[in-house]
Structure formats: structure tokens, C-alpha cells
Full PDB file with SEQRES, HELIX, SHEET, SSBOND, CRYST1, ORIGX, SCALE, CONECT and MASTER records, all heavy atoms in Angstrom:
SEQRES   1 A   33  PHE PHE PRO GLY ASN GLY CYS TYR VAL ASP LEU ASP GLY          
SEQRES   2 A   33  SER THR ASN ALA SER GLY LEU LEU THR LYS SER PHE ASN          
SEQRES   3 A   33  LEU LEU ALA ASN ASN SER TYR                                  
CRYST1    1.000    1.000    1.000  90.00  90.00  90.00 P 1           1          
ORIGX1      1.000000  0.000000  0.000000        0.00000                         
ORIGX2      0.000000  1.000000  0.000000        0.00000                         
ORIGX3      0.000000  0.000000  1.000000        0.00000                         
SCALE1      1.000000  0.000000  0.000000        0.00000                         
SCALE2      0.000000  1.000000  0.000000        0.00000                         
SCALE3      0.000000  0.000000  1.000000        0.00000                         
ATOM      1  N   PHE A   1     153.168  14.090 -51.381  1.00  0.00           N  
ATOM      2  CA  PHE A   1     151.963  13.411 -51.486  1.00  0.00           C  
ATOM      3  C   PHE A   1     150.881  13.867 -50.600  1.00  0.00           C  
ATOM      4  O   PHE A   1     149.693  13.418 -50.827  1.00  0.00           O  
ATOM      5  CB  PHE A   1     152.388  11.844 -51.233  1.00  0.00           C  
ATOM      6  CG  PHE A   1     153.441  11.349 -51.895  1.00  0.00           C  
ATOM      7  CD1 PHE A   1     154.779  10.999 -51.317  1.00  0.00           C  
ATOM      8  CD2 PHE A   1     153.289  10.874 -53.243  1.00  0.00           C  
ATOM      9  CE1 PHE A   1     155.762  10.437 -52.218  1.00  0.00           C  
ATOM     10  CE2 PHE A   1     154.191  10.225 -54.063  1.00  0.00           C  
ATOM     11  CZ  PHE A   1     155.516  10.106 -53.407  1.00  0.00           C  
ATOM     12  N   PHE A   2     151.201  14.708 -49.671  1.00  0.00           N  
ATOM     13  CA  PHE A   2     150.166  15.221 -48.802  1.00  0.00           C  
ATOM     14  C   PHE A   2     150.358  16.708 -48.727  1.00  0.00           C  
ATOM     15  O   PHE A   2     150.826  17.262 -47.745  1.00  0.00           O  
ATOM     16  CB  PHE A   2     150.131  14.585 -47.512  1.00  0.00           C  
ATOM     17  CG  PHE A   2     149.829  12.981 -47.507  1.00  0.00           C  
ATOM     18  CD1 PHE A   2     150.777  12.101 -47.653  1.00  0.00           C  
ATOM     19  CD2 PHE A   2     148.470  12.746 -47.418  1.00  0.00           C  
ATOM     20  CE1 PHE A   2     150.414  10.797 -47.686  1.00  0.00           C  
ATOM     21  CE2 PHE A   2     148.129  11.347 -47.513  1.00  0.00           C  
ATOM     22  CZ  PHE A   2     149.145  10.414 -47.637  1.00  0.00           C  
ATOM     23  N   PRO A   3     149.865  17.488 -49.702  1.00  0.00           N  
ATOM     24  CA  PRO A   3     150.113  19.039 -49.735  1.00  0.00           C  
ATOM     25  C   PRO A   3     149.422  19.645 -48.519  1.00  0.00           C  
ATOM     26  O   PRO A   3     148.407  19.100 -47.968  1.00  0.00           O  
ATOM     27  CB  PRO A   3     149.419  19.396 -50.997  1.00  0.00           C  
ATOM     28  CG  PRO A   3     149.338  18.204 -51.951  1.00  0.00           C  
ATOM     29  CD  PRO A   3     149.231  17.048 -51.030  1.00  0.00           C  
ATOM     30  N   GLY A   4     150.022  20.645 -48.119  1.00  0.00           N  
ATOM     31  CA  GLY A   4     149.548  21.364 -46.955  1.00  0.00           C  
ATOM     32  C   GLY A   4     150.160  20.922 -45.553  1.00  0.00           C  
ATOM     33  O   GLY A   4     149.856  21.530 -44.494  1.00  0.00           O  
ATOM     34  N   ASN A   5     151.097  20.069 -45.624  1.00  0.00           N  
ATOM     35  CA  ASN A   5     151.768  19.463 -44.331  1.00  0.00           C  
ATOM     36  C   ASN A   5     153.269  19.936 -44.323  1.00  0.00           C  
ATOM     37  O   ASN A   5     153.927  19.398 -43.433  1.00  0.00           O  
ATOM     38  CB  ASN A   5     151.637  18.135 -44.321  1.00  0.00           C  
ATOM     39  CG  ASN A   5     150.177  17.629 -44.007  1.00  0.00           C  
ATOM     40  OD1 ASN A   5     149.665  17.822 -42.857  1.00  0.00           O  
ATOM     41  ND2 ASN A   5     149.428  17.215 -45.128  1.00  0.00           N  
ATOM     42  N   GLY A   6     153.659  20.931 -45.166  1.00  0.00           N  
ATOM     43  CA  GLY A   6     155.099  21.340 -45.145  1.00  0.00           C  
ATOM     44  C   GLY A   6     156.012  20.180 -45.459  1.00  0.00           C  
ATOM     45  O   GLY A   6     155.673  19.352 -46.419  1.00  0.00           O  
ATOM     46  N   CYS A   7     157.089  20.065 -44.775  1.00  0.00           N  
ATOM     47  CA  CYS A   7     158.174  19.039 -44.972  1.00  0.00           C  
ATOM     48  C   CYS A   7     157.935  17.917 -44.012  1.00  0.00           C  
ATOM     49  O   CYS A   7     157.622  18.168 -42.772  1.00  0.00           O  
ATOM     50  CB  CYS A   7     159.490  19.666 -44.732  1.00  0.00           C  
ATOM     51  SG  CYS A   7     160.929  18.674 -45.324  1.00  0.00           S  
ATOM     52  N   TYR A   8     158.116  16.700 -44.465  1.00  0.00           N  
ATOM     53  CA  TYR A   8     157.984  15.508 -43.594  1.00  0.00           C  
ATOM     54  C   TYR A   8     158.999  14.441 -44.089  1.00  0.00           C  
ATOM     55  O   TYR A   8     159.581  14.577 -45.151  1.00  0.00           O  
ATOM     56  CB  TYR A   8     156.502  15.011 -43.639  1.00  0.00           C  
ATOM     57  CG  TYR A   8     155.863  14.928 -45.056  1.00  0.00           C  
ATOM     58  CD1 TYR A   8     155.766  13.763 -45.796  1.00  0.00           C  
ATOM     59  CD2 TYR A   8     155.174  16.142 -45.566  1.00  0.00           C  
ATOM     60  CE1 TYR A   8     155.128  13.731 -46.963  1.00  0.00           C  
ATOM     61  CE2 TYR A   8     154.601  16.044 -46.820  1.00  0.00           C  
ATOM     62  CZ  TYR A   8     154.505  14.890 -47.551  1.00  0.00           C  
ATOM     63  OH  TYR A   8     153.939  14.741 -48.766  1.00  0.00           O  
ATOM     64  N   VAL A   9     158.962  13.357 -43.363  1.00  0.00           N  
ATOM     65  CA  VAL A   9     160.005  12.289 -43.545  1.00  0.00           C  
ATOM     66  C   VAL A   9     159.486  11.080 -44.189  1.00  0.00           C  
ATOM     67  O   VAL A   9     158.513  10.480 -43.461  1.00  0.00           O  
ATOM     68  CB  VAL A   9     160.824  12.022 -42.262  1.00  0.00           C  
ATOM     69  CG1 VAL A   9     161.895  11.014 -42.469  1.00  0.00           C  
ATOM     70  CG2 VAL A   9     161.467  13.252 -41.510  1.00  0.00           C  
ATOM     71  N   ASP A  10     160.004  10.570 -45.213  1.00  0.00           N  
ATOM     72  CA  ASP A  10     159.726   9.248 -45.707  1.00  0.00           C  
ATOM     73  C   ASP A  10     160.606   8.296 -44.999  1.00  0.00           C  
ATOM     74  O   ASP A  10     161.808   8.423 -45.097  1.00  0.00           O  
ATOM     75  CB  ASP A  10     159.859   9.186 -47.180  1.00  0.00           C  
ATOM     76  CG  ASP A  10     159.469   7.772 -47.740  1.00  0.00           C  
ATOM     77  OD1 ASP A  10     159.428   6.955 -46.964  1.00  0.00           O  
ATOM     78  OD2 ASP A  10     159.403   7.707 -48.946  1.00  0.00           O  
ATOM     79  N   LEU A  11     160.080   7.476 -44.088  1.00  0.00           N  
ATOM     80  CA  LEU A  11     160.918   6.580 -43.266  1.00  0.00           C  
ATOM     81  C   LEU A  11     161.697   5.456 -43.934  1.00  0.00           C  
ATOM     82  O   LEU A  11     162.442   4.758 -43.423  1.00  0.00           O  
ATOM     83  CB  LEU A  11     160.078   6.059 -42.098  1.00  0.00           C  
ATOM     84  CG  LEU A  11     159.790   7.206 -41.038  1.00  0.00           C  
ATOM     85  CD1 LEU A  11     158.834   6.558 -40.038  1.00  0.00           C  
ATOM     86  CD2 LEU A  11     160.971   7.724 -40.348  1.00  0.00           C  
ATOM     87  N   ASP A  12     161.148   5.245 -45.201  1.00  0.00           N  
ATOM     88  CA  ASP A  12     161.937   4.295 -46.084  1.00  0.00           C  
ATOM     89  C   ASP A  12     162.492   5.059 -47.246  1.00  0.00           C  
ATOM     90  O   ASP A  12     161.840   5.326 -48.191  1.00  0.00           O  
ATOM     91  CB  ASP A  12     160.912   3.124 -46.465  1.00  0.00           C  
ATOM     92  CG  ASP A  12     161.580   1.913 -47.240  1.00  0.00           C  
ATOM     93  OD1 ASP A  12     162.786   2.201 -47.543  1.00  0.00           O  
ATOM     94  OD2 ASP A  12     160.913   1.012 -47.560  1.00  0.00           O  
ATOM     95  N   GLY A  13     163.847   5.306 -47.159  1.00  0.00           N  
ATOM     96  CA  GLY A  13     164.365   6.147 -48.238  1.00  0.00           C  
ATOM     97  C   GLY A  13     164.393   5.527 -49.578  1.00  0.00           C  
ATOM     98  O   GLY A  13     163.584   4.846 -49.932  1.00  0.00           O  
ATOM     99  N   SER A  14     165.478   5.973 -50.367  1.00  0.00           N  
ATOM    100  CA  SER A  14     165.533   5.482 -51.730  1.00  0.00           C  
ATOM    101  C   SER A  14     166.733   4.532 -51.974  1.00  0.00           C  
ATOM    102  O   SER A  14     167.398   4.520 -53.015  1.00  0.00           O  
ATOM    103  CB  SER A  14     165.690   6.706 -52.639  1.00  0.00           C  
ATOM    104  OG  SER A  14     164.533   7.496 -52.484  1.00  0.00           O  
ATOM    105  N   THR A  15     166.900   3.633 -50.995  1.00  0.00           N  
ATOM    106  CA  THR A  15     168.057   2.580 -51.096  1.00  0.00           C  
ATOM    107  C   THR A  15     167.528   1.161 -50.776  1.00  0.00           C  
ATOM    108  O   THR A  15     168.282   0.290 -50.658  1.00  0.00           O  
ATOM    109  CB  THR A  15     169.195   2.894 -50.215  1.00  0.00           C  
ATOM    110  OG1 THR A  15     168.706   2.890 -48.868  1.00  0.00           O  
ATOM    111  CG2 THR A  15     169.872   4.230 -50.437  1.00  0.00           C  
ATOM    112  N   ASN A  16     166.164   1.114 -50.854  1.00  0.00           N  
ATOM    113  CA  ASN A  16     165.532  -0.170 -50.596  1.00  0.00           C  
ATOM    114  C   ASN A  16     165.891  -0.735 -49.184  1.00  0.00           C  
ATOM    115  O   ASN A  16     165.770  -1.915 -48.943  1.00  0.00           O  
ATOM    116  CB  ASN A  16     165.945  -1.325 -51.536  1.00  0.00           C  
ATOM    117  CG  ASN A  16     165.428  -1.032 -52.955  1.00  0.00           C  
ATOM    118  OD1 ASN A  16     164.218  -0.713 -53.110  1.00  0.00           O  
ATOM    119  ND2 ASN A  16     166.310  -0.994 -54.029  1.00  0.00           N  
ATOM    120  N   ALA A  17     166.139   0.238 -48.275  1.00  0.00           N  
ATOM    121  CA  ALA A  17     166.351  -0.119 -46.848  1.00  0.00           C  
ATOM    122  C   ALA A  17     165.999   1.066 -46.052  1.00  0.00           C  
ATOM    123  O   ALA A  17     166.287   2.178 -46.206  1.00  0.00           O  
ATOM    124  CB  ALA A  17     167.821  -0.424 -46.596  1.00  0.00           C  
ATOM    125  N   SER A  18     165.223   0.785 -44.940  1.00  0.00           N  
ATOM    126  CA  SER A  18     164.641   1.773 -44.135  1.00  0.00           C  
ATOM    127  C   SER A  18     165.730   2.137 -43.088  1.00  0.00           C  
ATOM    128  O   SER A  18     166.304   1.270 -42.415  1.00  0.00           O  
ATOM    129  CB  SER A  18     163.416   1.337 -43.350  1.00  0.00           C  
ATOM    130  OG  SER A  18     162.414   1.045 -44.233  1.00  0.00           O  
ATOM    131  N   GLY A  19     165.850   3.492 -42.751  1.00  0.00           N  
ATOM    132  CA  GLY A  19     166.774   3.885 -41.732  1.00  0.00           C  
ATOM    133  C   GLY A  19     166.109   3.790 -40.339  1.00  0.00           C  
ATOM    134  O   GLY A  19     164.908   3.610 -40.230  1.00  0.00           O  
ATOM    135  N   LEU A  20     166.863   3.985 -39.289  1.00  0.00           N  
ATOM    136  CA  LEU A  20     166.429   3.955 -37.929  1.00  0.00           C  
ATOM    137  C   LEU A  20     166.545   5.466 -37.439  1.00  0.00           C  
ATOM    138  O   LEU A  20     167.606   5.847 -36.965  1.00  0.00           O  
ATOM    139  CB  LEU A  20     167.194   2.988 -37.048  1.00  0.00           C  
ATOM    140  CG  LEU A  20     166.806   3.023 -35.566  1.00  0.00           C  
ATOM    141  CD1 LEU A  20     165.360   2.511 -35.400  1.00  0.00           C  
ATOM    142  CD2 LEU A  20     167.780   1.991 -34.884  1.00  0.00           C  
ATOM    143  N   LEU A  21     165.492   6.190 -37.477  1.00  0.00           N  
ATOM    144  CA  LEU A  21     165.466   7.548 -37.233  1.00  0.00           C  
ATOM    145  C   LEU A  21     165.449   7.787 -35.661  1.00  0.00           C  
ATOM    146  O   LEU A  21     164.499   7.217 -34.956  1.00  0.00           O  
ATOM    147  CB  LEU A  21     164.273   8.215 -37.762  1.00  0.00           C  
ATOM    148  CG  LEU A  21     164.314   9.807 -37.616  1.00  0.00           C  
ATOM    149  CD1 LEU A  21     165.463  10.475 -38.446  1.00  0.00           C  
ATOM    150  CD2 LEU A  21     162.997  10.375 -38.093  1.00  0.00           C  
ATOM    151  N   THR A  22     166.587   8.364 -35.096  1.00  0.00           N  
ATOM    152  CA  THR A  22     166.701   8.357 -33.667  1.00  0.00           C  
ATOM    153  C   THR A  22     167.162   9.774 -33.057  1.00  0.00           C  
ATOM    154  O   THR A  22     167.824  10.394 -33.791  1.00  0.00           O  
ATOM    155  CB  THR A  22     167.891   7.301 -33.246  1.00  0.00           C  
ATOM    156  OG1 THR A  22     167.449   5.982 -33.754  1.00  0.00           O  
ATOM    157  CG2 THR A  22     168.050   7.234 -31.704  1.00  0.00           C  
ATOM    158  N   LYS A  23     166.632   9.987 -31.919  1.00  0.00           N  
ATOM    159  CA  LYS A  23     167.047  11.203 -31.246  1.00  0.00           C  
ATOM    160  C   LYS A  23     166.999  10.824 -29.774  1.00  0.00           C  
ATOM    161  O   LYS A  23     166.034  10.210 -29.111  1.00  0.00           O  
ATOM    162  CB  LYS A  23     166.150  12.348 -31.443  1.00  0.00           C  
ATOM    163  CG  LYS A  23     166.573  13.682 -30.912  1.00  0.00           C  
ATOM    164  CD  LYS A  23     165.790  14.867 -31.401  1.00  0.00           C  
ATOM    165  CE  LYS A  23     166.339  16.154 -30.846  1.00  0.00           C  
ATOM    166  NZ  LYS A  23     167.735  16.499 -31.372  1.00  0.00           N  
ATOM    167  N   SER A  24     168.023  11.393 -29.007  1.00  0.00           N  
ATOM    168  CA  SER A  24     168.254  11.151 -27.640  1.00  0.00           C  
ATOM    169  C   SER A  24     167.825  12.263 -26.697  1.00  0.00           C  
ATOM    170  O   SER A  24     168.074  13.453 -27.159  1.00  0.00           O  
ATOM    171  CB  SER A  24     169.685  10.730 -27.287  1.00  0.00           C  
ATOM    172  OG  SER A  24     169.813  10.298 -25.951  1.00  0.00           O  
ATOM    173  N   PHE A  25     167.193  12.031 -25.571  1.00  0.00           N  
ATOM    174  CA  PHE A  25     166.773  13.070 -24.639  1.00  0.00           C  
ATOM    175  C   PHE A  25     167.135  12.736 -23.248  1.00  0.00           C  
ATOM    176  O   PHE A  25     167.169  11.628 -22.884  1.00  0.00           O  
ATOM    177  CB  PHE A  25     165.230  13.312 -24.649  1.00  0.00           C  
ATOM    178  CG  PHE A  25     164.655  13.674 -26.024  1.00  0.00           C  
ATOM    179  CD1 PHE A  25     164.283  12.673 -26.946  1.00  0.00           C  
ATOM    180  CD2 PHE A  25     164.613  15.072 -26.476  1.00  0.00           C  
ATOM    181  CE1 PHE A  25     163.794  13.057 -28.166  1.00  0.00           C  
ATOM    182  CE2 PHE A  25     164.096  15.308 -27.614  1.00  0.00           C  
ATOM    183  CZ  PHE A  25     163.617  14.396 -28.614  1.00  0.00           C  
ATOM    184  N   ASN A  26     167.587  13.779 -22.547  1.00  0.00           N  
ATOM    185  CA  ASN A  26     167.906  13.703 -21.105  1.00  0.00           C  
ATOM    186  C   ASN A  26     166.677  13.829 -20.341  1.00  0.00           C  
ATOM    187  O   ASN A  26     165.984  14.942 -20.360  1.00  0.00           O  
ATOM    188  CB  ASN A  26     168.873  14.642 -20.671  1.00  0.00           C  
ATOM    189  CG  ASN A  26     170.299  14.446 -21.208  1.00  0.00           C  
ATOM    190  OD1 ASN A  26     170.728  13.257 -21.319  1.00  0.00           O  
ATOM    191  ND2 ASN A  26     171.071  15.422 -21.694  1.00  0.00           N  
ATOM    192  N   LEU A  27     166.113  12.736 -19.597  1.00  0.00           N  
ATOM    193  CA  LEU A  27     164.876  12.757 -18.911  1.00  0.00           C  
ATOM    194  C   LEU A  27     165.096  12.613 -17.435  1.00  0.00           C  
ATOM    195  O   LEU A  27     166.054  12.015 -17.010  1.00  0.00           O  
ATOM    196  CB  LEU A  27     163.987  11.644 -19.469  1.00  0.00           C  
ATOM    197  CG  LEU A  27     163.708  11.778 -21.039  1.00  0.00           C  
ATOM    198  CD1 LEU A  27     162.818  10.633 -21.354  1.00  0.00           C  
ATOM    199  CD2 LEU A  27     163.135  13.125 -21.511  1.00  0.00           C  
ATOM    200  N   LEU A  28     164.112  13.127 -16.642  1.00  0.00           N  
ATOM    201  CA  LEU A  28     164.205  13.063 -15.213  1.00  0.00           C  
ATOM    202  C   LEU A  28     163.423  11.797 -14.645  1.00  0.00           C  
ATOM    203  O   LEU A  28     162.419  11.492 -15.074  1.00  0.00           O  
ATOM    204  CB  LEU A  28     163.674  14.217 -14.563  1.00  0.00           C  
ATOM    205  CG  LEU A  28     164.363  15.640 -15.013  1.00  0.00           C  
ATOM    206  CD1 LEU A  28     163.599  16.778 -14.460  1.00  0.00           C  
ATOM    207  CD2 LEU A  28     165.764  15.634 -14.495  1.00  0.00           C  
ATOM    208  N   ALA A  29     163.975  11.149 -13.618  1.00  0.00           N  
ATOM    209  CA  ALA A  29     163.437  10.006 -13.065  1.00  0.00           C  
ATOM    210  C   ALA A  29     161.999  10.414 -12.541  1.00  0.00           C  
ATOM    211  O   ALA A  29     161.758  11.413 -11.985  1.00  0.00           O  
ATOM    212  CB  ALA A  29     164.331   9.524 -11.914  1.00  0.00           C  
ATOM    213  N   ASN A  30     161.113   9.386 -12.793  1.00  0.00           N  
ATOM    214  CA  ASN A  30     159.727   9.525 -12.203  1.00  0.00           C  
ATOM    215  C   ASN A  30     158.908  10.690 -12.685  1.00  0.00           C  
ATOM    216  O   ASN A  30     157.924  11.086 -12.175  1.00  0.00           O  
ATOM    217  CB  ASN A  30     159.943   9.561 -10.644  1.00  0.00           C  
ATOM    218  CG  ASN A  30     160.492   8.389 -10.002  1.00  0.00           C  
ATOM    219  OD1 ASN A  30     160.187   7.187 -10.499  1.00  0.00           O  
ATOM    220  ND2 ASN A  30     161.250   8.654  -9.120  1.00  0.00           N  
ATOM    221  N   ASN A  31     159.398  11.260 -13.793  1.00  0.00           N  
ATOM    222  CA  ASN A  31     158.628  12.288 -14.543  1.00  0.00           C  
ATOM    223  C   ASN A  31     157.800  11.630 -15.606  1.00  0.00           C  
ATOM    224  O   ASN A  31     158.253  10.631 -16.305  1.00  0.00           O  
ATOM    225  CB  ASN A  31     159.438  13.358 -15.109  1.00  0.00           C  
ATOM    226  CG  ASN A  31     159.727  14.418 -14.140  1.00  0.00           C  
ATOM    227  OD1 ASN A  31     159.651  15.680 -14.328  1.00  0.00           O  
ATOM    228  ND2 ASN A  31     160.269  14.027 -12.857  1.00  0.00           N  
ATOM    229  N   SER A  32     156.617  12.068 -15.836  1.00  0.00           N  
ATOM    230  CA  SER A  32     155.816  11.489 -16.923  1.00  0.00           C  
ATOM    231  C   SER A  32     155.966  12.376 -18.220  1.00  0.00           C  
ATOM    232  O   SER A  32     155.891  13.606 -18.237  1.00  0.00           O  
ATOM    233  CB  SER A  32     154.305  11.717 -16.522  1.00  0.00           C  
ATOM    234  OG  SER A  32     154.096  10.972 -15.367  1.00  0.00           O  
ATOM    235  N   TYR A  33     156.320  11.585 -19.326  1.00  0.00           N  
ATOM    236  CA  TYR A  33     156.570  12.251 -20.612  1.00  0.00           C  
ATOM    237  C   TYR A  33     155.549  11.646 -21.666  1.00  0.00           C  
ATOM    238  O   TYR A  33     155.217  10.479 -21.577  1.00  0.00           O  
ATOM    239  CB  TYR A  33     157.979  11.917 -21.071  1.00  0.00           C  
ATOM    240  CG  TYR A  33     159.002  12.646 -20.190  1.00  0.00           C  
ATOM    241  CD1 TYR A  33     159.617  11.943 -19.110  1.00  0.00           C  
ATOM    242  CD2 TYR A  33     159.431  13.988 -20.467  1.00  0.00           C  
ATOM    243  CE1 TYR A  33     160.469  12.618 -18.173  1.00  0.00           C  
ATOM    244  CE2 TYR A  33     160.404  14.579 -19.674  1.00  0.00           C  
ATOM    245  CZ  TYR A  33     161.003  13.813 -18.608  1.00  0.00           C  
ATOM    246  OH  TYR A  33     161.861  14.501 -17.635  1.00  0.00           O  
TER     247      TYR A  33                                                      
MASTER        0    0    0    0    0    0    0    6  246    1    0    3          
END                                                                             
């Protein structure tokens, strides 16, 4: 739908239910992210 942007994620798939896209990161205390 938006040529020129490569591959992207439709956050509401094709089952009439949106998934919860999640990724976990190990972060350090008192660091700004």
C-alpha cells in the first residue's frame, strides 16, 4: 500500500484479531533509552 518502504508489518492480520507484537530487551538501570 506504500511503495518504496520495503517490507512492513500490518498489525491487524487476516483473522479479524490483532496480534500483540512483542520483543524483549535487557536494559541497564538509570540509562536513558
